[in-house]
Amino acid sequence: MLNIRLATYEASKQTAAAFWSASASAQAAGVTIALRWPILMQAAFDPFAWPARREAMRAVTEKWEAAVEGSMAAWAASASLASALVLSPGDARKLTHGLAAVSSAAMRPARKRVRGNARRLSRG
């Protein structure tokens, strides 16, 4: 019984941490969109705006890179979770830690890029 209660408590802590991380990423994404939108519009309508076109290409490639990195990290974390659950089936703590690790690993590259873009674009 204690193991389930502890697992529930740890799961709620991990959920709260994921919520605050997602909130910070959402704020950084809003800043990035607001600052990148005029650059993307310039790239769309001005055929000679090479810096704007580079930024548009960078936006697309960053999303693909983050998606691939996130999926590979999630795959590795889920493989680790599967092996941990095979060795000790029915362990609620390992399950909650493993699921949190999978979701965190999947989102880490996107969060890193979103915060970096907001920082880079807000500097000018």
C-alpha atoms as a PDB file:
ATOM      1  CA  MET A   1       0.000   0.000   0.000  1.00  0.00           C
ATOM      2  CA  LEU A   2       2.826   2.352   0.875  1.00  0.00           C
ATOM      3  CA  ASN A   3       4.466   1.691  -2.487  1.00  0.00           C
ATOM      4  CA  ILE A   4       1.307   2.746  -4.345  1.00  0.00           C
ATOM      5  CA  ARG A   5       0.899   5.892  -2.263  1.00  0.00           C
ATOM      6  CA  LEU A   6       4.531   6.822  -2.792  1.00  0.00           C
ATOM      7  CA  ALA A   7       4.202   6.174  -6.512  1.00  0.00           C
ATOM      8  CA  THR A   8       1.089   8.357  -6.633  1.00  0.00           C
ATOM      9  CA  TYR A   9       2.853  11.169  -4.789  1.00  0.00           C
ATOM     10  CA  GLU A  10       5.872  10.959  -7.083  1.00  0.00           C
ATOM     11  CA  ALA A  11       3.628  10.881 -10.131  1.00  0.00           C
ATOM     12  CA  SER A  12       1.871  14.048  -8.999  1.00  0.00           C
ATOM     13  CA  LYS A  13       5.255  15.749  -8.470  1.00  0.00           C
ATOM     14  CA  GLN A  14       6.373  14.707 -11.944  1.00  0.00           C
ATOM     15  CA  THR A  15       3.095  15.897 -13.449  1.00  0.00           C
ATOM     16  CA  ALA A  16       3.491  19.290 -11.791  1.00  0.00           C
ATOM     17  CA  ALA A  17       7.068  19.588 -13.054  1.00  0.00           C
ATOM     18  CA  ALA A  18       5.929  18.664 -16.576  1.00  0.00           C
ATOM     19  CA  PHE A  19       3.131  21.240 -16.374  1.00  0.00           C
ATOM     20  CA  TRP A  20       5.490  24.070 -15.391  1.00  0.00           C
ATOM     21  CA  SER A  21       7.984  23.047 -18.048  1.00  0.00           C
ATOM     22  CA  ALA A  22       5.229  23.046 -20.670  1.00  0.00           C
ATOM     23  CA  SER A  23       4.039  26.447 -19.454  1.00  0.00           C
ATOM     24  CA  ALA A  24       7.518  27.925 -19.833  1.00  0.00           C
ATOM     25  CA  SER A  25       7.817  26.374 -23.291  1.00  0.00           C
ATOM     26  CA  ALA A  26       4.438  27.789 -24.305  1.00  0.00           C
ATOM     27  CA  GLN A  27       5.522  31.263 -23.241  1.00  0.00           C
ATOM     28  CA  ALA A  28       8.782  30.934 -25.178  1.00  0.00           C
ATOM     29  CA  ALA A  29       6.880  29.615 -28.204  1.00  0.00           C
ATOM     30  CA  GLY A  30       4.615  32.662 -28.152  1.00  0.00           C
ATOM     31  CA  VAL A  31       7.626  34.967 -28.077  1.00  0.00           C
ATOM     32  CA  THR A  32       9.246  33.020 -30.914  1.00  0.00           C
ATOM     33  CA  ILE A  33       6.119  33.141 -33.073  1.00  0.00           C
ATOM     34  CA  ALA A  34       5.621  36.854 -32.459  1.00  0.00           C
ATOM     35  CA  LEU A  35       9.219  37.665 -33.346  1.00  0.00           C
ATOM     36  CA  ARG A  36       9.542  35.231 -36.242  1.00  0.00           C
ATOM     37  CA  TRP A  37       6.257  36.087 -38.004  1.00  0.00           C
ATOM     38  CA  PRO A  38       7.446  39.337 -39.644  1.00  0.00           C
ATOM     39  CA  ILE A  39      10.639  37.605 -40.778  1.00  0.00           C
ATOM     40  CA  LEU A  40       8.654  34.766 -42.351  1.00  0.00           C
ATOM     41  CA  MET A  41       6.306  37.216 -44.085  1.00  0.00           C
ATOM     42  CA  GLN A  42       9.304  39.050 -45.509  1.00  0.00           C
ATOM     43  CA  ALA A  43      10.693  35.740 -46.791  1.00  0.00           C
ATOM     44  CA  ALA A  44       7.355  34.920 -48.384  1.00  0.00           C
ATOM     45  CA  PHE A  45       6.899  38.208 -50.245  1.00  0.00           C
ATOM     46  CA  ASP A  46      10.426  39.463 -50.958  1.00  0.00           C
ATOM     47  CA  PRO A  47      12.439  37.190 -53.276  1.00  0.00           C
ATOM     48  CA  PHE A  48      15.704  38.938 -52.382  1.00  0.00           C
ATOM     49  CA  ALA A  49      15.405  38.769 -48.585  1.00  0.00           C
ATOM     50  CA  TRP A  50      18.090  36.119 -48.044  1.00  0.00           C
ATOM     51  CA  PRO A  51      18.407  36.538 -44.252  1.00  0.00           C
ATOM     52  CA  ALA A  52      14.655  36.053 -43.946  1.00  0.00           C
ATOM     53  CA  ARG A  53      14.794  32.981 -46.174  1.00  0.00           C
ATOM     54  CA  ARG A  54      17.609  31.554 -44.050  1.00  0.00           C
ATOM     55  CA  GLU A  55      15.462  32.074 -40.954  1.00  0.00           C
ATOM     56  CA  ALA A  56      12.540  30.304 -42.644  1.00  0.00           C
ATOM     57  CA  MET A  57      14.759  27.352 -43.541  1.00  0.00           C
ATOM     58  CA  ARG A  58      16.163  27.322 -40.035  1.00  0.00           C
ATOM     59  CA  ALA A  59      12.643  27.207 -38.572  1.00  0.00           C
ATOM     60  CA  VAL A  60      11.749  24.165 -40.679  1.00  0.00           C
ATOM     61  CA  THR A  61      14.986  22.261 -40.096  1.00  0.00           C
ATOM     62  CA  GLU A  62      14.904  22.927 -36.351  1.00  0.00           C
ATOM     63  CA  LYS A  63      11.450  21.400 -36.111  1.00  0.00           C
ATOM     64  CA  TRP A  64      12.527  18.283 -37.985  1.00  0.00           C
ATOM     65  CA  GLU A  65      15.685  17.940 -35.919  1.00  0.00           C
ATOM     66  CA  ALA A  66      13.765  18.317 -32.661  1.00  0.00           C
ATOM     67  CA  ALA A  67      11.170  15.773 -33.787  1.00  0.00           C
ATOM     68  CA  VAL A  68      13.795  13.191 -34.735  1.00  0.00           C
ATOM     69  CA  GLU A  69      15.877  13.772 -31.601  1.00  0.00           C
ATOM     70  CA  GLY A  70      12.774  13.601 -29.410  1.00  0.00           C
ATOM     71  CA  SER A  71      11.531  10.397 -30.996  1.00  0.00           C
ATOM     72  CA  MET A  72      14.933   8.731 -30.637  1.00  0.00           C
ATOM     73  CA  ALA A  73      15.212   9.832 -27.005  1.00  0.00           C
ATOM     74  CA  ALA A  74      11.674   8.599 -26.291  1.00  0.00           C
ATOM     75  CA  TRP A  75      12.493   5.284 -27.943  1.00  0.00           C
ATOM     76  CA  ALA A  76      15.593   4.872 -25.771  1.00  0.00           C
ATOM     77  CA  ALA A  77      13.697   5.813 -22.614  1.00  0.00           C
ATOM     78  CA  SER A  78      10.851   3.432 -23.450  1.00  0.00           C
ATOM     79  CA  ALA A  79      13.340   0.617 -24.063  1.00  0.00           C
ATOM     80  CA  SER A  80      14.859   1.346 -20.668  1.00  0.00           C
ATOM     81  CA  LEU A  81      11.391   1.333 -19.107  1.00  0.00           C
ATOM     82  CA  ALA A  82      10.517  -1.972 -20.760  1.00  0.00           C
ATOM     83  CA  SER A  83      13.681  -3.637 -19.498  1.00  0.00           C
ATOM     84  CA  ALA A  84      13.126  -2.264 -15.973  1.00  0.00           C
ATOM     85  CA  LEU A  85       9.554  -3.555 -15.931  1.00  0.00           C
ATOM     86  CA  VAL A  86      10.621  -6.975 -17.202  1.00  0.00           C
ATOM     87  CA  LEU A  87      13.094  -7.268 -14.338  1.00  0.00           C
ATOM     88  CA  SER A  88      10.573  -6.162 -11.698  1.00  0.00           C
ATOM     89  CA  PRO A  89       6.986  -6.462 -12.944  1.00  0.00           C
ATOM     90  CA  GLY A  90       4.273  -4.691 -11.021  1.00  0.00           C
ATOM     91  CA  ASP A  91       6.528  -2.001  -9.560  1.00  0.00           C
ATOM     92  CA  ALA A  92       4.395   1.139  -9.642  1.00  0.00           C
ATOM     93  CA  ARG A  93       7.312   3.451  -8.843  1.00  0.00           C
ATOM     94  CA  LYS A  94       9.377   2.219 -11.770  1.00  0.00           C
ATOM     95  CA  LEU A  95       6.379   2.555 -14.039  1.00  0.00           C
ATOM     96  CA  THR A  96       5.654   6.160 -13.039  1.00  0.00           C
ATOM     97  CA  HIS A  97       9.330   7.152 -13.194  1.00  0.00           C
ATOM     98  CA  GLY A  98       9.699   5.432 -16.552  1.00  0.00           C
ATOM     99  CA  LEU A  99       6.647   7.042 -18.107  1.00  0.00           C
ATOM    100  CA  ALA A 100       7.750  10.455 -16.882  1.00  0.00           C
ATOM    101  CA  ALA A 101      11.218   9.802 -18.292  1.00  0.00           C
ATOM    102  CA  VAL A 102       9.765   8.870 -21.684  1.00  0.00           C
ATOM    103  CA  SER A 103       7.656  12.022 -21.925  1.00  0.00           C
ATOM    104  CA  SER A 104      10.466  14.223 -20.658  1.00  0.00           C
ATOM    105  CA  ALA A 105      12.953  12.715 -23.091  1.00  0.00           C
ATOM    106  CA  ALA A 106      10.541  13.195 -25.982  1.00  0.00           C
ATOM    107  CA  MET A 107       9.969  16.868 -25.212  1.00  0.00           C
ATOM    108  CA  ARG A 108      13.497  17.903 -24.149  1.00  0.00           C
ATOM    109  CA  PRO A 109      14.834  18.758 -27.659  1.00  0.00           C
ATOM    110  CA  ALA A 110      11.766  20.842 -28.524  1.00  0.00           C
ATOM    111  CA  ARG A 111      11.866  22.717 -25.202  1.00  0.00           C
ATOM    112  CA  LYS A 112      15.565  23.433 -25.675  1.00  0.00           C
ATOM    113  CA  ARG A 113      15.075  24.807 -29.184  1.00  0.00           C
ATOM    114  CA  VAL A 114      12.023  26.884 -28.270  1.00  0.00           C
ATOM    115  CA  ARG A 115      13.834  28.570 -25.390  1.00  0.00           C
ATOM    116  CA  GLY A 116      16.916  29.111 -27.550  1.00  0.00           C
ATOM    117  CA  ASN A 117      14.875  30.651 -30.368  1.00  0.00           C
ATOM    118  CA  ALA A 118      13.067  33.006 -28.015  1.00  0.00           C
ATOM    119  CA  ARG A 119      16.384  34.101 -26.536  1.00  0.00           C
ATOM    120  CA  ARG A 120      18.087  34.522 -29.927  1.00  0.00           C
ATOM    121  CA  LEU A 121      15.231  36.352 -31.615  1.00  0.00           C
ATOM    122  CA  SER A 122      14.572  38.695 -28.711  1.00  0.00           C
ATOM    123  CA  ARG A 123      18.194  39.903 -28.782  1.00  0.00           C
ATOM    124  CA  GLY A 124      17.622  41.332 -32.203  1.00  0.00           C
END
